[in-house]
Amino acid sequence: MLSKAENELLTRVGPGTAMGNLMRRYWHPVAACSQLERNPTIKIRLLDEDLILYRDRSGRLGLFGERCPHRQASMLYGVPEQEGLRCARA
């Protein structure tokens, strides 16, 4: 039987936790490509983080934090460009 401390160590997957750091070293399937056909951005919750999965106009996929670093707007409403995703409030 696991102690409370061992249980915490194994079940916490947020940023900066032991198990979270380990799990971030591996690939995780998060969506099917067909999900991006109708809308080029999808909100994903993975390892206790809110992320945005997107496809830019070149067809490349990207994944990063939900909030724009300079205005804190949701990148879910971002505008796909040739090389990336632009904040909708820019």
N, C-alpha and C. Protein backbone atom coordinates (compact mmCIF):
# COMPACT_ATOMS: atom_id res chain seq x y z
N MET A 1 0.84 -1.18 0.00
CA MET A 1 0.00 0.00 0.00
C MET A 1 0.89 1.24 0.00
N LEU A 2 0.49 2.24 -0.78
CA LEU A 2 1.26 3.48 -0.88
C LEU A 2 0.99 4.40 0.30
N SER A 3 2.01 5.07 0.72
CA SER A 3 1.83 6.10 1.75
C SER A 3 1.24 7.33 1.07
N LYS A 4 0.78 8.28 1.85
CA LYS A 4 0.22 9.52 1.30
C LYS A 4 1.27 10.25 0.47
N ALA A 5 2.51 10.30 0.94
CA ALA A 5 3.59 10.99 0.22
C ALA A 5 3.89 10.29 -1.11
N GLU A 6 3.91 8.96 -1.11
CA GLU A 6 4.16 8.22 -2.35
C GLU A 6 3.02 8.41 -3.35
N ASN A 7 1.80 8.42 -2.84
CA ASN A 7 0.64 8.65 -3.70
C ASN A 7 0.72 10.03 -4.34
N GLU A 8 1.05 11.05 -3.58
CA GLU A 8 1.20 12.41 -4.11
C GLU A 8 2.29 12.45 -5.18
N LEU A 9 3.40 11.80 -4.93
CA LEU A 9 4.52 11.78 -5.87
C LEU A 9 4.11 11.17 -7.21
N LEU A 10 3.32 10.10 -7.17
CA LEU A 10 2.95 9.39 -8.38
C LEU A 10 1.75 9.98 -9.12
N THR A 11 0.90 10.73 -8.46
CA THR A 11 -0.33 11.19 -9.10
C THR A 11 -0.32 12.66 -9.50
N ARG A 12 0.57 13.46 -8.99
CA ARG A 12 0.62 14.88 -9.37
C ARG A 12 1.40 15.01 -10.67
N VAL A 13 0.76 15.59 -11.71
CA VAL A 13 1.41 15.69 -13.01
C VAL A 13 1.53 17.13 -13.51
N GLY A 14 1.26 18.09 -12.66
CA GLY A 14 1.36 19.49 -13.06
C GLY A 14 2.80 19.90 -13.35
N PRO A 15 2.98 21.10 -13.90
CA PRO A 15 4.33 21.59 -14.18
C PRO A 15 5.17 21.66 -12.91
N GLY A 16 6.40 21.19 -13.00
CA GLY A 16 7.32 21.25 -11.87
C GLY A 16 7.22 20.09 -10.89
N THR A 17 6.32 19.16 -11.11
CA THR A 17 6.22 18.00 -10.22
C THR A 17 7.09 16.87 -10.78
N ALA A 18 7.46 15.93 -9.93
CA ALA A 18 8.33 14.83 -10.36
C ALA A 18 7.69 14.01 -11.48
N MET A 19 6.45 13.59 -11.30
CA MET A 19 5.79 12.78 -12.33
C MET A 19 5.46 13.62 -13.55
N GLY A 20 5.11 14.87 -13.35
CA GLY A 20 4.85 15.77 -14.49
C GLY A 20 6.09 15.95 -15.34
N ASN A 21 7.25 16.12 -14.71
CA ASN A 21 8.50 16.25 -15.46
C ASN A 21 8.82 14.97 -16.23
N LEU A 22 8.56 13.82 -15.63
CA LEU A 22 8.79 12.55 -16.31
C LEU A 22 7.84 12.39 -17.50
N MET A 23 6.56 12.64 -17.31
CA MET A 23 5.57 12.45 -18.36
C MET A 23 5.79 13.40 -19.54
N ARG A 24 6.36 14.56 -19.31
CA ARG A 24 6.60 15.52 -20.38
C ARG A 24 7.74 15.10 -21.31
N ARG A 25 8.43 14.04 -20.98
CA ARG A 25 9.51 13.53 -21.84
C ARG A 25 9.00 12.60 -22.93
N TYR A 26 7.71 12.28 -22.90
CA TYR A 26 7.14 11.31 -23.83
C TYR A 26 6.08 11.96 -24.71
N TRP A 27 5.82 11.34 -25.86
CA TRP A 27 4.77 11.80 -26.77
C TRP A 27 3.41 11.37 -26.24
N HIS A 28 2.42 12.23 -26.41
CA HIS A 28 1.05 11.92 -26.01
C HIS A 28 0.11 12.25 -27.16
N PRO A 29 -0.67 11.29 -27.65
CA PRO A 29 -1.67 11.64 -28.67
C PRO A 29 -2.76 12.48 -28.02
N VAL A 30 -3.06 13.62 -28.61
CA VAL A 30 -4.02 14.53 -27.99
C VAL A 30 -5.25 14.79 -28.84
N ALA A 31 -5.16 14.56 -30.15
CA ALA A 31 -6.30 14.81 -31.03
C ALA A 31 -6.07 14.12 -32.37
N ALA A 32 -7.15 13.95 -33.10
CA ALA A 32 -7.05 13.42 -34.46
C ALA A 32 -6.91 14.59 -35.43
N CYS A 33 -6.19 14.39 -36.50
CA CYS A 33 -5.98 15.46 -37.50
C CYS A 33 -7.31 15.97 -38.04
N SER A 34 -8.29 15.09 -38.14
CA SER A 34 -9.59 15.50 -38.68
C SER A 34 -10.28 16.54 -37.80
N GLN A 35 -9.93 16.61 -36.53
CA GLN A 35 -10.53 17.60 -35.64
C GLN A 35 -10.12 19.02 -36.00
N LEU A 36 -9.02 19.19 -36.69
CA LEU A 36 -8.54 20.51 -37.07
C LEU A 36 -9.03 20.95 -38.44
N GLU A 37 -9.81 20.13 -39.13
CA GLU A 37 -10.31 20.50 -40.45
C GLU A 37 -11.36 21.59 -40.39
N ARG A 38 -12.26 21.51 -39.44
CA ARG A 38 -13.34 22.49 -39.33
C ARG A 38 -12.87 23.78 -38.66
N ASN A 39 -12.05 23.64 -37.63
CA ASN A 39 -11.55 24.80 -36.89
C ASN A 39 -10.05 24.59 -36.69
N PRO A 40 -9.21 25.57 -37.04
CA PRO A 40 -7.76 25.36 -36.96
C PRO A 40 -7.17 25.41 -35.56
N THR A 41 -7.99 25.67 -34.54
CA THR A 41 -7.50 25.68 -33.15
C THR A 41 -8.40 24.82 -32.27
N ILE A 42 -7.79 24.10 -31.35
CA ILE A 42 -8.52 23.25 -30.40
C ILE A 42 -7.90 23.44 -29.02
N LYS A 43 -8.76 23.56 -28.01
CA LYS A 43 -8.29 23.62 -26.63
C LYS A 43 -8.07 22.20 -26.12
N ILE A 44 -6.90 21.97 -25.53
CA ILE A 44 -6.52 20.65 -25.02
C ILE A 44 -6.14 20.80 -23.54
N ARG A 45 -6.55 19.86 -22.73
CA ARG A 45 -6.11 19.80 -21.33
C ARG A 45 -5.22 18.58 -21.21
N LEU A 46 -3.93 18.80 -20.95
CA LEU A 46 -2.97 17.70 -20.89
C LEU A 46 -2.02 17.93 -19.73
N LEU A 47 -1.87 16.92 -18.89
CA LEU A 47 -0.97 16.97 -17.74
C LEU A 47 -1.19 18.23 -16.90
N ASP A 48 -2.46 18.50 -16.62
CA ASP A 48 -2.87 19.61 -15.75
C ASP A 48 -2.54 20.99 -16.33
N GLU A 49 -2.42 21.09 -17.66
CA GLU A 49 -2.18 22.37 -18.32
C GLU A 49 -3.21 22.58 -19.42
N ASP A 50 -3.67 23.82 -19.58
CA ASP A 50 -4.53 24.19 -20.69
C ASP A 50 -3.65 24.61 -21.85
N LEU A 51 -3.82 23.94 -23.00
CA LEU A 51 -2.98 24.18 -24.16
C LEU A 51 -3.85 24.39 -25.39
N ILE A 52 -3.28 24.99 -26.42
CA ILE A 52 -3.96 25.18 -27.69
C ILE A 52 -3.19 24.40 -28.76
N LEU A 53 -3.91 23.52 -29.44
CA LEU A 53 -3.38 22.79 -30.59
C LEU A 53 -3.86 23.53 -31.83
N TYR A 54 -2.96 23.80 -32.77
CA TYR A 54 -3.35 24.54 -33.97
C TYR A 54 -2.63 24.01 -35.21
N ARG A 55 -3.20 24.36 -36.36
CA ARG A 55 -2.56 24.09 -37.65
C ARG A 55 -2.42 25.44 -38.36
N ASP A 56 -1.18 25.79 -38.74
CA ASP A 56 -0.97 27.07 -39.43
C ASP A 56 -1.27 26.92 -40.91
N ARG A 57 -1.15 27.99 -41.67
CA ARG A 57 -1.50 27.96 -43.09
C ARG A 57 -0.54 27.12 -43.92
N SER A 58 0.62 26.81 -43.38
CA SER A 58 1.55 25.92 -44.07
C SER A 58 1.21 24.45 -43.83
N GLY A 59 0.26 24.19 -42.94
CA GLY A 59 -0.14 22.83 -42.62
C GLY A 59 0.60 22.23 -41.45
N ARG A 60 1.50 22.99 -40.83
CA ARG A 60 2.24 22.48 -39.67
C ARG A 60 1.40 22.59 -38.41
N LEU A 61 1.62 21.64 -37.51
CA LEU A 61 0.92 21.63 -36.23
C LEU A 61 1.76 22.31 -35.17
N GLY A 62 1.08 22.90 -34.19
CA GLY A 62 1.77 23.51 -33.06
C GLY A 62 0.95 23.33 -31.80
N LEU A 63 1.61 23.41 -30.67
CA LEU A 63 0.95 23.25 -29.38
C LEU A 63 1.65 24.15 -28.38
N PHE A 64 0.91 25.03 -27.72
CA PHE A 64 1.50 25.86 -26.68
C PHE A 64 0.44 26.30 -25.68
N GLY A 65 0.84 27.05 -24.69
CA GLY A 65 -0.05 27.50 -23.62
C GLY A 65 -1.25 28.26 -24.15
N GLU A 66 -2.35 28.19 -23.41
CA GLU A 66 -3.60 28.79 -23.87
C GLU A 66 -3.53 30.31 -23.97
N ARG A 67 -2.83 30.94 -23.09
CA ARG A 67 -2.84 32.41 -23.03
C ARG A 67 -1.68 33.05 -23.79
N CYS A 68 -2.00 34.11 -24.50
CA CYS A 68 -1.00 34.91 -25.20
C CYS A 68 -0.09 35.55 -24.13
N PRO A 69 1.23 35.46 -24.28
CA PRO A 69 2.11 35.97 -23.23
C PRO A 69 2.08 37.49 -23.04
N HIS A 70 1.69 38.25 -24.06
CA HIS A 70 1.73 39.71 -23.88
C HIS A 70 0.39 40.32 -23.53
N ARG A 71 -0.72 39.70 -23.88
CA ARG A 71 -2.04 40.28 -23.56
C ARG A 71 -2.94 39.34 -22.77
N GLN A 72 -2.50 38.11 -22.55
CA GLN A 72 -3.27 37.10 -21.82
C GLN A 72 -4.60 36.76 -22.48
N ALA A 73 -4.73 37.03 -23.78
CA ALA A 73 -5.93 36.63 -24.53
C ALA A 73 -5.84 35.14 -24.83
N SER A 74 -6.98 34.49 -24.96
CA SER A 74 -6.98 33.07 -25.29
C SER A 74 -6.53 32.87 -26.73
N MET A 75 -5.55 32.01 -26.93
CA MET A 75 -5.08 31.71 -28.27
C MET A 75 -6.03 30.79 -29.02
N LEU A 76 -7.10 30.34 -28.36
CA LEU A 76 -8.13 29.57 -29.02
C LEU A 76 -8.74 30.38 -30.16
N TYR A 77 -8.74 31.70 -30.00
CA TYR A 77 -9.30 32.60 -31.01
C TYR A 77 -8.21 33.22 -31.88
N GLY A 78 -7.01 32.65 -31.83
CA GLY A 78 -5.89 33.15 -32.62
C GLY A 78 -6.12 32.99 -34.12
N VAL A 79 -5.34 33.74 -34.89
CA VAL A 79 -5.46 33.74 -36.34
C VAL A 79 -4.29 32.95 -36.94
N PRO A 80 -4.57 31.86 -37.65
CA PRO A 80 -3.48 31.09 -38.27
C PRO A 80 -2.78 31.92 -39.34
N GLU A 81 -1.47 31.94 -39.31
CA GLU A 81 -0.67 32.63 -40.32
C GLU A 81 0.22 31.61 -41.02
N GLN A 82 1.04 32.08 -41.96
CA GLN A 82 1.90 31.18 -42.73
C GLN A 82 2.81 30.36 -41.83
N GLU A 83 3.34 30.99 -40.79
CA GLU A 83 4.26 30.29 -39.89
C GLU A 83 3.87 30.53 -38.44
N GLY A 84 2.74 30.02 -38.02
CA GLY A 84 2.36 30.12 -36.62
C GLY A 84 0.95 30.61 -36.42
N LEU A 85 0.69 31.04 -35.20
CA LEU A 85 -0.63 31.51 -34.80
C LEU A 85 -0.47 32.89 -34.18
N ARG A 86 -1.24 33.86 -34.68
CA ARG A 86 -1.15 35.23 -34.18
C ARG A 86 -2.30 35.47 -33.21
N CYS A 87 -2.01 36.22 -32.17
CA CYS A 87 -3.02 36.60 -31.20
C CYS A 87 -4.14 37.36 -31.90
N ALA A 88 -5.38 37.07 -31.54
CA ALA A 88 -6.53 37.72 -32.17
C ALA A 88 -6.61 39.20 -31.80
N ARG A 89 -5.96 39.61 -30.74
CA ARG A 89 -6.03 41.00 -30.29
C ARG A 89 -4.85 41.83 -30.79
N ALA A 90 -3.99 41.27 -31.61
CA ALA A 90 -2.82 42.01 -32.07
C ALA A 90 -3.18 43.09 -33.05
